[in-house]
PDB file of N, CA and C in Angstrom:
ATOM      1  N   UNK A   1       0.874  -1.156   0.015  1.00  0.00           N
ATOM      2  CA  UNK A   1      -0.006  -0.004   0.039  1.00  0.00           C
ATOM      3  C   UNK A   1       0.890   1.224  -0.007  1.00  0.00           C
ATOM      4  N   UNK A   2       1.704   1.359   1.014  1.00  0.00           N
ATOM      5  CA  UNK A   2       2.717   2.553   1.114  1.00  0.00           C
ATOM      6  C   UNK A   2       4.086   1.989   0.935  1.00  0.00           C
ATOM      7  N   UNK A   3       4.907   2.729   0.250  1.00  0.00           N
ATOM      8  CA  UNK A   3       6.354   2.321   0.032  1.00  0.00           C
ATOM      9  C   UNK A   3       6.915   1.935   1.358  1.00  0.00           C
ATOM     10  N   UNK A   4       6.640   2.754   2.419  1.00  0.00           N
ATOM     11  CA  UNK A   4       7.255   2.571   3.720  1.00  0.00           C
ATOM     12  C   UNK A   4       6.409   1.937   4.748  1.00  0.00           C
ATOM     13  N   UNK A   5       5.446   1.026   4.270  1.00  0.00           N
ATOM     14  CA  UNK A   5       4.531   0.405   5.230  1.00  0.00           C
ATOM     15  C   UNK A   5       5.274  -0.176   6.435  1.00  0.00           C
ATOM     16  N   UNK A   6       6.430  -0.811   6.192  1.00  0.00           N
ATOM     17  CA  UNK A   6       7.240  -1.355   7.181  1.00  0.00           C
ATOM     18  C   UNK A   6       7.595  -0.272   8.224  1.00  0.00           C
ATOM     19  N   UNK A   7       8.005   0.850   7.749  1.00  0.00           N
ATOM     20  CA  UNK A   7       8.300   1.971   8.609  1.00  0.00           C
ATOM     21  C   UNK A   7       7.111   2.389   9.415  1.00  0.00           C
ATOM     22  N   UNK A   8       5.997   2.401   8.805  1.00  0.00           N
ATOM     23  CA  UNK A   8       4.676   2.795   9.521  1.00  0.00           C
ATOM     24  C   UNK A   8       4.483   1.723  10.566  1.00  0.00           C
ATOM     25  N   UNK A   9       4.590   0.487  10.333  1.00  0.00           N
ATOM     26  CA  UNK A   9       4.431  -0.522  11.371  1.00  0.00           C
ATOM     27  C   UNK A   9       5.416  -0.411  12.486  1.00  0.00           C
ATOM     28  N   UNK A  10       6.681  -0.015  12.144  1.00  0.00           N
ATOM     29  CA  UNK A  10       7.698   0.182  13.174  1.00  0.00           C
ATOM     30  C   UNK A  10       7.254   1.343  14.060  1.00  0.00           C
ATOM     31  N   UNK A  11       6.635   2.407  13.519  1.00  0.00           N
ATOM     32  CA  UNK A  11       6.146   3.512  14.340  1.00  0.00           C
ATOM     33  C   UNK A  11       5.142   3.048  15.308  1.00  0.00           C
ATOM     34  N   UNK A  12       4.064   2.237  14.790  1.00  0.00           N
ATOM     35  CA  UNK A  12       3.051   1.720  15.665  1.00  0.00           C
ATOM     36  C   UNK A  12       3.719   0.763  16.794  1.00  0.00           C
ATOM     37  N   UNK A  13       4.568  -0.060  16.453  1.00  0.00           N
ATOM     38  CA  UNK A  13       5.141  -0.989  17.310  1.00  0.00           C
ATOM     39  C   UNK A  13       6.100  -0.297  18.373  1.00  0.00           C
ATOM     40  N   UNK A  14       6.839   0.759  18.023  1.00  0.00           N
ATOM     41  CA  UNK A  14       7.763   1.427  18.886  1.00  0.00           C
ATOM     42  C   UNK A  14       7.233   2.678  19.509  1.00  0.00           C
ATOM     43  N   UNK A  15       6.074   2.994  19.270  1.00  0.00           N
ATOM     44  CA  UNK A  15       5.525   4.303  19.735  1.00  0.00           C
ATOM     45  C   UNK A  15       5.628   4.414  21.292  1.00  0.00           C
ATOM     46  N   UNK A  16       5.311   3.259  21.932  1.00  0.00           N
ATOM     47  CA  UNK A  16       5.374   3.265  23.446  1.00  0.00           C
ATOM     48  C   UNK A  16       6.737   3.454  23.957  1.00  0.00           C
ATOM     49  N   UNK A  17       7.709   3.183  23.251  1.00  0.00           N
ATOM     50  CA  UNK A  17       9.083   3.296  23.696  1.00  0.00           C
ATOM     51  C   UNK A  17       9.667   4.686  23.543  1.00  0.00           C
ATOM     52  N   UNK A  18       8.890   5.610  22.918  1.00  0.00           N
ATOM     53  CA  UNK A  18       9.271   7.028  22.791  1.00  0.00           C
ATOM     54  C   UNK A  18       8.240   7.898  23.499  1.00  0.00           C
ATOM     55  N   UNK A  19       8.715   9.072  23.755  1.00  0.00           N
ATOM     56  CA  UNK A  19       7.813  10.095  24.567  1.00  0.00           C
ATOM     57  C   UNK A  19       6.476  10.449  23.738  1.00  0.00           C
ATOM     58  N   UNK A  20       6.678  10.425  22.409  1.00  0.00           N
ATOM     59  CA  UNK A  20       5.529  10.742  21.602  1.00  0.00           C
ATOM     60  C   UNK A  20       5.652  10.067  20.261  1.00  0.00           C
ATOM     61  N   UNK A  21       4.441  10.109  19.564  1.00  0.00           N
ATOM     62  CA  UNK A  21       4.481   9.424  18.195  1.00  0.00           C
ATOM     63  C   UNK A  21       5.544  10.107  17.310  1.00  0.00           C
ATOM     64  N   UNK A  22       5.571  11.477  17.412  1.00  0.00           N
ATOM     65  CA  UNK A  22       6.546  12.265  16.595  1.00  0.00           C
ATOM     66  C   UNK A  22       7.962  11.847  16.936  1.00  0.00           C
ATOM     67  N   UNK A  23       8.340  11.589  18.139  1.00  0.00           N
ATOM     68  CA  UNK A  23       9.588  11.127  18.504  1.00  0.00           C
ATOM     69  C   UNK A  23       9.915   9.840  17.914  1.00  0.00           C
ATOM     70  N   UNK A  24       8.914   8.834  17.811  1.00  0.00           N
ATOM     71  CA  UNK A  24       9.116   7.615  17.141  1.00  0.00           C
ATOM     72  C   UNK A  24       9.360   7.820  15.700  1.00  0.00           C
ATOM     73  N   UNK A  25       8.523   8.638  15.078  1.00  0.00           N
ATOM     74  CA  UNK A  25       8.603   8.922  13.673  1.00  0.00           C
ATOM     75  C   UNK A  25      10.063   9.505  13.304  1.00  0.00           C
ATOM     76  N   UNK A  26      10.526  10.490  14.061  1.00  0.00           N
ATOM     77  CA  UNK A  26      11.823  11.025  13.777  1.00  0.00           C
ATOM     78  C   UNK A  26      12.962   9.982  13.970  1.00  0.00           C
ATOM     79  N   UNK A  27      12.844   9.187  14.941  1.00  0.00           N
ATOM     80  CA  UNK A  27      13.920   8.180  15.220  1.00  0.00           C
ATOM     81  C   UNK A  27      13.959   7.169  14.018  1.00  0.00           C
ATOM     82  N   UNK A  28      12.741   6.622  13.666  1.00  0.00           N
ATOM     83  CA  UNK A  28      12.632   5.625  12.703  1.00  0.00           C
ATOM     84  C   UNK A  28      12.931   6.120  11.286  1.00  0.00           C
ATOM     85  N   UNK A  29      12.484   7.309  10.924  1.00  0.00           N
ATOM     86  CA  UNK A  29      12.811   8.011   9.688  1.00  0.00           C
ATOM     87  C   UNK A  29      14.361   8.145   9.493  1.00  0.00           C
ATOM     88  N   UNK A  30      15.064   8.575  10.569  1.00  0.00           N
ATOM     89  CA  UNK A  30      16.502   8.671  10.472  1.00  0.00           C
ATOM     90  C   UNK A  30      17.185   7.356  10.204  1.00  0.00           C
ATOM     91  N   UNK A  31      16.656   6.267  10.797  1.00  0.00           N
ATOM     92  CA  UNK A  31      17.169   4.888  10.627  1.00  0.00           C
ATOM     93  C   UNK A  31      16.910   4.357   9.177  1.00  0.00           C
ATOM     94  N   UNK A  32      15.812   4.930   8.670  1.00  0.00           N
ATOM     95  CA  UNK A  32      15.391   4.249   7.309  1.00  0.00           C
ATOM     96  C   UNK A  32      15.904   5.256   6.242  1.00  0.00           C
ATOM     97  N   UNK A  33      16.548   6.432   6.570  1.00  0.00           N
ATOM     98  CA  UNK A  33      17.048   7.390   5.552  1.00  0.00           C
ATOM     99  C   UNK A  33      16.073   8.136   4.810  1.00  0.00           C
ATOM    100  N   UNK A  34      14.987   8.559   5.469  1.00  0.00           N
ATOM    101  CA  UNK A  34      13.854   9.224   4.843  1.00  0.00           C
ATOM    102  C   UNK A  34      13.463  10.405   5.741  1.00  0.00           C
ATOM    103  N   UNK A  35      12.723  11.390   5.122  1.00  0.00           N
ATOM    104  CA  UNK A  35      12.328  12.527   5.908  1.00  0.00           C
ATOM    105  C   UNK A  35      11.291  12.164   6.902  1.00  0.00           C
ATOM    106  N   UNK A  36      11.255  12.829   8.031  1.00  0.00           N
ATOM    107  CA  UNK A  36      10.328  12.568   9.096  1.00  0.00           C
ATOM    108  C   UNK A  36       8.905  12.920   8.526  1.00  0.00           C
ATOM    109  N   UNK A  37       8.834  13.954   7.735  1.00  0.00           N
ATOM    110  CA  UNK A  37       7.515  14.397   7.150  1.00  0.00           C
ATOM    111  C   UNK A  37       6.854  13.279   6.317  1.00  0.00           C
ATOM    112  N   UNK A  38       7.655  12.614   5.426  1.00  0.00           N
ATOM    113  CA  UNK A  38       7.119  11.554   4.641  1.00  0.00           C
ATOM    114  C   UNK A  38       6.631  10.468   5.502  1.00  0.00           C
ATOM    115  N   UNK A  39       7.271  10.020   6.485  1.00  0.00           N
ATOM    116  CA  UNK A  39       6.895   8.924   7.279  1.00  0.00           C
ATOM    117  C   UNK A  39       5.597   9.383   8.048  1.00  0.00           C
ATOM    118  N   UNK A  40       5.593  10.587   8.581  1.00  0.00           N
ATOM    119  CA  UNK A  40       4.441  11.081   9.342  1.00  0.00           C
ATOM    120  C   UNK A  40       3.201  11.091   8.440  1.00  0.00           C
ATOM    121  N   UNK A  41       3.322  11.430   7.130  1.00  0.00           N
ATOM    122  CA  UNK A  41       2.187  11.549   6.194  1.00  0.00           C
ATOM    123  C   UNK A  41       1.664  10.005   6.034  1.00  0.00           C
ATOM    124  N   UNK A  42       2.676   9.008   5.813  1.00  0.00           N
ATOM    125  CA  UNK A  42       2.234   7.659   5.667  1.00  0.00           C
ATOM    126  C   UNK A  42       1.589   7.109   6.972  1.00  0.00           C
ATOM    127  N   UNK A  43       2.155   7.552   8.107  1.00  0.00           N
ATOM    128  CA  UNK A  43       1.414   7.062   9.351  1.00  0.00           C
ATOM    129  C   UNK A  43       0.043   7.623   9.502  1.00  0.00           C
ATOM    130  N   UNK A  44      -0.135   8.953   9.173  1.00  0.00           N
ATOM    131  CA  UNK A  44      -1.536   9.558   9.185  1.00  0.00           C
ATOM    132  C   UNK A  44      -2.553   8.928   8.220  1.00  0.00           C
ATOM    133  N   UNK A  45      -2.006   8.584   6.955  1.00  0.00           N
ATOM    134  CA  UNK A  45      -2.922   7.808   5.966  1.00  0.00           C
ATOM    135  C   UNK A  45      -3.290   6.466   6.488  1.00  0.00           C
ATOM    136  N   UNK A  46      -2.406   5.749   7.118  1.00  0.00           N
ATOM    137  CA  UNK A  46      -2.743   4.382   7.594  1.00  0.00           C
ATOM    138  C   UNK A  46      -3.645   4.534   8.610  1.00  0.00           C
ATOM    139  N   UNK A  47      -3.478   5.493   9.550  1.00  0.00           N
ATOM    140  CA  UNK A  47      -4.494   5.728  10.672  1.00  0.00           C
ATOM    141  C   UNK A  47      -5.851   6.090  10.136  1.00  0.00           C
ATOM    142  N   UNK A  48      -5.962   6.828   9.125  1.00  0.00           N
ATOM    143  CA  UNK A  48      -7.210   7.281   8.435  1.00  0.00           C
ATOM    144  C   UNK A  48      -7.858   5.972   7.780  1.00  0.00           C
ATOM    145  N   UNK A  49      -7.012   5.149   7.041  1.00  0.00           N
ATOM    146  CA  UNK A  49      -7.531   4.059   6.356  1.00  0.00           C
ATOM    147  C   UNK A  49      -8.119   3.003   7.445  1.00  0.00           C
ATOM    148  N   UNK A  50      -7.433   2.929   8.524  1.00  0.00           N
ATOM    149  CA  UNK A  50      -7.937   1.944   9.635  1.00  0.00           C
ATOM    150  C   UNK A  50      -9.068   2.566  10.546  1.00  0.00           C
ATOM    151  N   UNK A  51      -9.442   3.768  10.298  1.00  0.00           N
ATOM    152  CA  UNK A  51     -10.486   4.495  11.060  1.00  0.00           C
ATOM    153  C   UNK A  51     -10.025   5.014  12.379  1.00  0.00           C
ATOM    154  N   UNK A  52      -8.740   5.099  12.645  1.00  0.00           N
ATOM    155  CA  UNK A  52      -8.337   5.776  13.807  1.00  0.00           C
ATOM    156  C   UNK A  52      -8.266   7.207  13.686  1.00  0.00           C
ATOM    157  N   UNK A  53      -8.283   7.746  12.568  1.00  0.00           N
ATOM    158  CA  UNK A  53      -8.281   9.264  12.328  1.00  0.00           C
ATOM    159  C   UNK A  53      -9.293   9.593  11.203  1.00  0.00           C
ATOM    160  N   UNK A  54      -9.862  10.823  11.406  1.00  0.00           N
ATOM    161  CA  UNK A  54     -10.868  11.310  10.512  1.00  0.00           C
ATOM    162  C   UNK A  54     -10.079  11.733   9.257  1.00  0.00           C
ATOM    163  N   UNK A  55     -10.789  11.516   8.080  1.00  0.00           N
ATOM    164  CA  UNK A  55     -10.306  12.056   6.766  1.00  0.00           C
ATOM    165  C   UNK A  55     -10.706  10.973   5.712  1.00  0.00           C
ATOM    166  N   UNK A  56     -10.265  11.310   4.522  1.00  0.00           N
ATOM    167  CA  UNK A  56     -10.482  10.516   3.370  1.00  0.00           C
ATOM    168  C   UNK A  56      -9.595   9.244   3.353  1.00  0.00           C
ATOM    169  N   UNK A  57     -10.127   8.142   3.261  1.00  0.00           N
ATOM    170  CA  UNK A  57      -9.300   6.842   3.186  1.00  0.00           C
ATOM    171  C   UNK A  57      -8.594   6.947   1.751  1.00  0.00           C
ATOM    172  N   UNK A  58      -7.548   5.944   1.575  1.00  0.00           N
ATOM    173  CA  UNK A  58      -7.000   5.940   0.303  1.00  0.00           C
ATOM    174  C   UNK A  58      -8.018   5.555  -0.818  1.00  0.00           C
ATOM    175  N   UNK A  59      -8.804   4.708  -0.495  1.00  0.00           N
ATOM    176  CA  UNK A  59      -9.960   4.203  -1.456  1.00  0.00           C
ATOM    177  C   UNK A  59     -10.883   5.404  -1.828  1.00  0.00           C
ATOM    178  N   UNK A  60     -11.218   6.217  -0.803  1.00  0.00           N
ATOM    179  CA  UNK A  60     -12.159   7.298  -1.079  1.00  0.00           C
ATOM    180  C   UNK A  60     -11.420   8.337  -1.858  1.00  0.00           C
ATOM    181  N   UNK A  61     -10.194   8.590  -1.598  1.00  0.00           N
ATOM    182  CA  UNK A  61      -9.367   9.633  -2.257  1.00  0.00           C
ATOM    183  C   UNK A  61      -9.223   9.190  -3.822  1.00  0.00           C
ATOM    184  N   UNK A  62      -8.966   7.855  -4.011  1.00  0.00           N
ATOM    185  CA  UNK A  62      -8.784   7.421  -5.412  1.00  0.00           C
ATOM    186  C   UNK A  62     -10.176   7.639  -6.156  1.00  0.00           C
ATOM    187  N   UNK A  63     -11.273   7.218  -5.445  1.00  0.00           N
ATOM    188  CA  UNK A  63     -12.607   7.386  -6.100  1.00  0.00           C
ATOM    189  C   UNK A  63     -12.874   8.856  -6.335  1.00  0.00           C
ATOM    190  N   UNK A  64     -12.601   9.710  -5.455  1.00  0.00           N
ATOM    191  CA  UNK A  64     -12.778  11.163  -5.605  1.00  0.00           C
ATOM    192  C   UNK A  64     -11.967  11.628  -6.835  1.00  0.00           C
ATOM    193  N   UNK A  65     -10.716  11.240  -6.954  1.00  0.00           N
ATOM    194  CA  UNK A  65      -9.951  11.546  -8.118  1.00  0.00           C
ATOM    195  C   UNK A  65     -10.449  10.989  -9.492  1.00  0.00           C
ATOM    196  N   UNK A  66     -11.001   9.874  -9.351  1.00  0.00           N
ATOM    197  CA  UNK A  66     -11.655   9.206 -10.665  1.00  0.00           C
ATOM    198  C   UNK A  66     -12.942  10.073 -11.018  1.00  0.00           C
ATOM    199  N   UNK A  67     -13.669  10.427 -10.023  1.00  0.00           N
ATOM    200  CA  UNK A  67     -14.895  11.232 -10.244  1.00  0.00           C
ATOM    201  C   UNK A  67     -14.563  12.613 -10.806  1.00  0.00           C
ATOM    202  N   UNK A  68     -13.549  13.214 -10.211  1.00  0.00           N
ATOM    203  CA  UNK A  68     -13.098  14.475 -10.795  1.00  0.00           C
ATOM    204  C   UNK A  68     -12.587  14.351 -12.152  1.00  0.00           C
ATOM    205  N   UNK A  69     -11.906  13.357 -12.544  1.00  0.00           N
ATOM    206  CA  UNK A  69     -11.503  13.168 -13.876  1.00  0.00           C
ATOM    207  C   UNK A  69     -12.642  12.985 -14.906  1.00  0.00           C
ATOM    208  N   UNK A  70     -13.612  12.143 -14.448  1.00  0.00           N
ATOM    209  CA  UNK A  70     -14.764  11.893 -15.139  1.00  0.00           C
ATOM    210  C   UNK A  70     -15.562  13.201 -15.405  1.00  0.00           C
ATOM    211  N   UNK A  71     -15.644  14.064 -14.395  1.00  0.00           N
ATOM    212  CA  UNK A  71     -16.333  15.280 -14.509  1.00  0.00           C
ATOM    213  C   UNK A  71     -15.633  16.244 -15.516  1.00  0.00           C
ATOM    214  N   UNK A  72     -14.256  16.365 -15.497  1.00  0.00           N
ATOM    215  CA  UNK A  72     -13.531  17.045 -16.454  1.00  0.00           C
ATOM    216  C   UNK A  72     -13.763  16.508 -17.903  1.00  0.00           C
ATOM    217  N   UNK A  73     -13.832  15.231 -18.022  1.00  0.00           N
ATOM    218  CA  UNK A  73     -14.094  14.621 -19.325  1.00  0.00           C
ATOM    219  C   UNK A  73     -15.455  15.018 -19.908  1.00  0.00           C
ATOM    220  N   UNK A  74     -16.460  14.962 -18.981  1.00  0.00           N
ATOM    221  CA  UNK A  74     -17.840  15.280 -19.362  1.00  0.00           C
ATOM    222  C   UNK A  74     -17.983  16.723 -19.736  1.00  0.00           C
ATOM    223  N   UNK A  75     -17.294  17.634 -18.980  1.00  0.00           N
ATOM    224  CA  UNK A  75     -17.310  18.995 -19.257  1.00  0.00           C
ATOM    225  C   UNK A  75     -16.692  19.301 -20.640  1.00  0.00           C
ATOM    226  N   UNK A  76     -15.554  18.594 -20.882  1.00  0.00           N
ATOM    227  CA  UNK A  76     -14.927  18.700 -22.278  1.00  0.00           C
ATOM    228  C   UNK A  76     -15.795  18.245 -23.381  1.00  0.00           C
ATOM    229  N   UNK A  77     -16.464  17.072 -23.183  1.00  0.00           N
ATOM    230  CA  UNK A  77     -17.402  16.568 -24.125  1.00  0.00           C
ATOM    231  C   UNK A  77     -18.554  17.484 -24.356  1.00  0.00           C
ATOM    232  N   UNK A  78     -19.076  18.122 -23.224  1.00  0.00           N
ATOM    233  CA  UNK A  78     -20.282  19.051 -23.446  1.00  0.00           C
ATOM    234  C   UNK A  78     -19.829  20.333 -24.205  1.00  0.00           C
ATOM    235  N   UNK A  79     -18.617  20.760 -23.979  1.00  0.00           N
ATOM    236  CA  UNK A  79     -18.139  21.922 -24.820  1.00  0.00           C
ATOM    237  C   UNK A  79     -17.945  21.615 -26.334  1.00  0.00           C
ATOM    238  N   UNK A  80     -17.450  20.336 -26.587  1.00  0.00           N
ATOM    239  CA  UNK A  80     -17.411  19.894 -27.871  1.00  0.00           C
ATOM    240  C   UNK A  80     -18.750  19.763 -28.617  1.00  0.00           C
ATOM    241  N   UNK A  81     -19.736  19.244 -27.863  1.00  0.00           N
ATOM    242  CA  UNK A  81     -21.090  19.105 -28.427  1.00  0.00           C
ATOM    243  C   UNK A  81     -21.711  20.480 -28.593  1.00  0.00           C
ATOM    244  N   UNK A  82     -21.456  21.469 -27.744  1.00  0.00           N
ATOM    245  CA  UNK A  82     -22.088  22.823 -27.897  1.00  0.00           C
ATOM    246  C   UNK A  82     -21.406  23.428 -29.196  1.00  0.00           C
ATOM    247  N   UNK A  83     -20.083  23.182 -29.428  1.00  0.00           N
ATOM    248  CA  UNK A  83     -19.464  23.808 -30.582  1.00  0.00           C
ATOM    249  C   UNK A  83     -19.989  23.167 -31.850  1.00  0.00           C
ATOM    250  N   UNK A  84     -20.141  21.796 -31.739  1.00  0.00           N
ATOM    251  CA  UNK A  84     -20.665  21.034 -32.955  1.00  0.00           C
ATOM    252  C   UNK A  84     -22.148  21.590 -33.322  1.00  0.00           C
ATOM    253  N   UNK A  85     -22.922  21.762 -32.275  1.00  0.00           N
ATOM    254  CA  UNK A  85     -24.389  22.256 -32.515  1.00  0.00           C
ATOM    255  C   UNK A  85     -24.334  23.623 -33.171  1.00  0.00           C
ATOM    256  N   UNK A  86     -23.459  24.437 -32.738  1.00  0.00           N
ATOM    257  CA  UNK A  86     -23.350  25.753 -33.262  1.00  0.00           C
ATOM    258  C   UNK A  86     -22.860  25.764 -34.731  1.00  0.00           C
ATOM    259  N   UNK A  87     -21.955  24.883 -34.983  1.00  0.00           N
ATOM    260  CA  UNK A  87     -21.349  24.638 -36.274  1.00  0.00           C
ATOM    261  C   UNK A  87     -22.368  24.109 -37.384  1.00  0.00           C
ATOM    262  N   UNK A  88     -23.216  23.230 -36.860  1.00  0.00           N
ATOM    263  CA  UNK A  88     -24.061  22.523 -37.674  1.00  0.00           C
ATOM    264  C   UNK A  88     -25.497  23.133 -37.733  1.00  0.00           C
ATOM    265  N   UNK A  89     -25.654  24.228 -37.230  1.00  0.00           N
ATOM    266  CA  UNK A  89     -26.892  25.043 -37.346  1.00  0.00           C
ATOM    267  C   UNK A  89     -27.805  24.850 -36.138  1.00  0.00           C
ATOM    268  N   UNK A  90     -27.323  24.273 -35.207  1.00  0.00           N
ATOM    269  CA  UNK A  90     -28.204  24.132 -33.889  1.00  0.00           C
ATOM    270  C   UNK A  90     -28.379  25.400 -33.248  1.00  0.00           C
ATOM    271  N   UNK A  91     -27.463  26.448 -33.461  1.00  0.00           N
ATOM    272  CA  UNK A  91     -27.407  27.668 -32.881  1.00  0.00           C
ATOM    273  C   UNK A  91     -27.552  28.766 -33.995  1.00  0.00           C
ATOM    274  N   UNK A  92     -28.132  29.866 -33.683  1.00  0.00           N
ATOM    275  CA  UNK A  92     -28.277  30.875 -34.776  1.00  0.00           C
ATOM    276  C   UNK A  92     -27.006  31.356 -35.224  1.00  0.00           C
ATOM    277  N   UNK A  93     -26.997  31.608 -36.590  1.00  0.00           N
ATOM    278  CA  UNK A  93     -25.687  32.060 -37.210  1.00  0.00           C
ATOM    279  C   UNK A  93     -26.154  33.337 -37.960  1.00  0.00           C
ATOM    280  N   UNK A  94     -25.114  34.297 -38.179  1.00  0.00           N
ATOM    281  CA  UNK A  94     -25.429  35.491 -38.912  1.00  0.00           C
ATOM    282  C   UNK A  94     -25.692  35.097 -40.358  1.00  0.00           C
ATOM    283  N   UNK A  95     -26.648  35.818 -41.004  1.00  0.00           N
ATOM    284  CA  UNK A  95     -26.950  35.503 -42.401  1.00  0.00           C
ATOM    285  C   UNK A  95     -26.553  36.729 -43.286  1.00  0.00           C
ATOM    286  N   UNK A  96     -25.823  36.640 -44.309  1.00  0.00           N
ATOM    287  CA  UNK A  96     -25.445  37.653 -45.114  1.00  0.00           C
ATOM    288  C   UNK A  96     -26.545  37.786 -46.313  1.00  0.00           C
ATOM    289  N   UNK A  97     -27.308  38.897 -46.350  1.00  0.00           N
ATOM    290  CA  UNK A  97     -28.365  38.917 -47.449  1.00  0.00           C
ATOM    291  C   UNK A  97     -27.730  38.963 -48.783  1.00  0.00           C
ATOM    292  N   UNK A  98     -28.324  38.363 -49.821  1.00  0.00           N
ATOM    293  CA  UNK A  98     -27.955  38.559 -51.172  1.00  0.00           C
ATOM    294  C   UNK A  98     -28.999  39.194 -51.938  1.00  0.00           C
ATOM    295  N   UNK A  99     -28.546  39.700 -53.111  1.00  0.00           N
ATOM    296  CA  UNK A  99     -29.450  40.332 -54.025  1.00  0.00           C
ATOM    297  C   UNK A  99     -30.307  39.175 -54.714  1.00  0.00           C
ATOM    298  N   UNK A 100     -31.517  39.406 -54.931  1.00  0.00           N
ATOM    299  CA  UNK A 100     -32.282  38.319 -55.531  1.00  0.00           C
ATOM    300  C   UNK A 100     -31.793  38.071 -56.940  1.00  0.00           C
ATOM    301  N   UNK A 101     -31.861  36.851 -57.390  1.00  0.00           N
ATOM    302  CA  UNK A 101     -31.398  36.270 -58.573  1.00  0.00           C
ATOM    303  C   UNK A 101     -32.575  35.964 -59.524  1.00  0.00           C
ATOM    304  N   UNK A 102     -32.514  36.428 -60.805  1.00  0.00           N
ATOM    305  CA  UNK A 102     -33.572  36.204 -61.715  1.00  0.00           C
ATOM    306  C   UNK A 102     -33.212  34.961 -62.514  1.00  0.00           C
ATOM    307  N   UNK A 103     -34.237  34.130 -62.697  1.00  0.00           N
ATOM    308  CA  UNK A 103     -34.004  32.853 -63.388  1.00  0.00           C
ATOM    309  C   UNK A 103     -34.945  32.951 -64.596  1.00  0.00           C
ATOM    310  N   UNK A 104     -34.477  32.756 -65.808  1.00  0.00           N
ATOM    311  CA  UNK A 104     -35.258  32.785 -67.021  1.00  0.00           C
ATOM    312  C   UNK A 104     -35.578  31.336 -67.483  1.00  0.00           C
ATOM    313  N   UNK A 105     -36.744  30.980 -67.579  1.00  0.00           N
ATOM    314  CA  UNK A 105     -37.047  29.607 -68.000  1.00  0.00           C
ATOM    315  C   UNK A 105     -37.719  29.764 -69.380  1.00  0.00           C
ATOM    316  N   UNK A 106     -37.055  29.114 -70.389  1.00  0.00           N
ATOM    317  CA  UNK A 106     -37.702  29.218 -71.672  1.00  0.00           C
ATOM    318  C   UNK A 106     -38.431  27.864 -71.995  1.00  0.00           C
ATOM    319  N   UNK A 107     -39.492  28.014 -72.591  1.00  0.00           N
ATOM    320  CA  UNK A 107     -40.326  26.891 -72.937  1.00  0.00           C
ATOM    321  C   UNK A 107     -40.045  26.413 -74.329  1.00  0.00           C
ATOM    322  N   UNK A 108     -39.475  27.292 -75.041  1.00  0.00           N
ATOM    323  CA  UNK A 108     -39.030  26.960 -76.473  1.00  0.00           C
ATOM    324  C   UNK A 108     -37.675  27.552 -76.857  1.00  0.00           C
ATOM    325  N   UNK A 109     -37.228  27.102 -77.945  1.00  0.00           N
ATOM    326  CA  UNK A 109     -35.828  27.688 -78.327  1.00  0.00           C
ATOM    327  C   UNK A 109     -35.958  29.156 -78.712  1.00  0.00           C
ATOM    328  N   UNK A 110     -37.218  29.575 -79.144  1.00  0.00           N
ATOM    329  CA  UNK A 110     -37.361  30.946 -79.620  1.00  0.00           C
ATOM    330  C   UNK A 110     -37.367  31.980 -78.426  1.00  0.00           C
ATOM    331  N   UNK A 111     -37.923  31.411 -77.307  1.00  0.00           N
ATOM    332  CA  UNK A 111     -37.892  32.381 -76.120  1.00  0.00           C
ATOM    333  C   UNK A 111     -36.549  32.296 -75.386  1.00  0.00           C
ATOM    334  N   UNK A 112     -35.842  33.467 -75.435  1.00  0.00           N
ATOM    335  CA  UNK A 112     -34.635  33.582 -74.634  1.00  0.00           C
ATOM    336  C   UNK A 112     -34.690  34.717 -73.669  1.00  0.00           C
ATOM    337  N   UNK A 113     -33.698  34.748 -72.776  1.00  0.00           N
ATOM    338  CA  UNK A 113     -33.695  35.739 -71.743  1.00  0.00           C
ATOM    339  C   UNK A 113     -33.334  37.083 -72.461  1.00  0.00           C
ATOM    340  N   UNK A 114     -33.594  38.171 -71.797  1.00  0.00           N
ATOM    341  CA  UNK A 114     -33.368  39.422 -72.442  1.00  0.00           C
ATOM    342  C   UNK A 114     -31.797  39.610 -72.503  1.00  0.00           C
ATOM    343  N   UNK A 115     -31.057  38.923 -71.830  1.00  0.00           N
ATOM    344  CA  UNK A 115     -29.628  39.200 -71.879  1.00  0.00           C
ATOM    345  C   UNK A 115     -28.901  38.134 -72.819  1.00  0.00           C
ATOM    346  N   UNK A 116     -29.756  37.251 -73.418  1.00  0.00           N
ATOM    347  CA  UNK A 116     -29.170  36.202 -74.298  1.00  0.00           C
ATOM    348  C   UNK A 116     -28.557  36.805 -75.606  1.00  0.00           C
ATOM    349  N   UNK A 117     -29.200  37.907 -76.112  1.00  0.00           N
ATOM    350  CA  UNK A 117     -28.729  38.545 -77.212  1.00  0.00           C
ATOM    351  C   UNK A 117     -27.337  39.137 -77.059  1.00  0.00           C
ATOM    352  N   UNK A 118     -27.085  39.648 -75.862  1.00  0.00           N
ATOM    353  CA  UNK A 118     -25.867  40.185 -75.529  1.00  0.00           C
ATOM    354  C   UNK A 118     -24.699  39.246 -75.342  1.00  0.00           C
ATOM    355  N   UNK A 119     -25.054  38.044 -75.001  1.00  0.00           N
ATOM    356  CA  UNK A 119     -24.107  36.978 -74.724  1.00  0.00           C
ATOM    357  C   UNK A 119     -23.392  36.494 -76.061  1.00  0.00           C
ATOM    358  N   UNK A 120     -24.183  36.645 -77.214  1.00  0.00           N
ATOM    359  CA  UNK A 120     -23.668  36.114 -78.481  1.00  0.00           C
ATOM    360  C   UNK A 120     -22.696  36.904 -79.155  1.00  0.00           C
TER     361      UNK A 120
END
């Protein structure tokens, strides 16, 4: 679970031999070649996981991190969908007005548009 779980166990086993838990942590961390703060944090987390101390357990913290990541992913997906809706016409777009176009439909070869004589 923790890289120094052996050190954490040593703190719990030797705590009575020291004047305080902090004194045990300092003594054991020196012997293990690590910082006292690192070992203290591991001790606190194990105490939390075992219900001796209030706070988020390791499993709860992992679940919280997973939910936070899922929330970020859903927010990103929502933004993508909003952009796609705007692009595809789901949201109002500005319209550039165009001049009307005349279409000449002839029913025979003799009927031509008024501009047809100019095109020849």
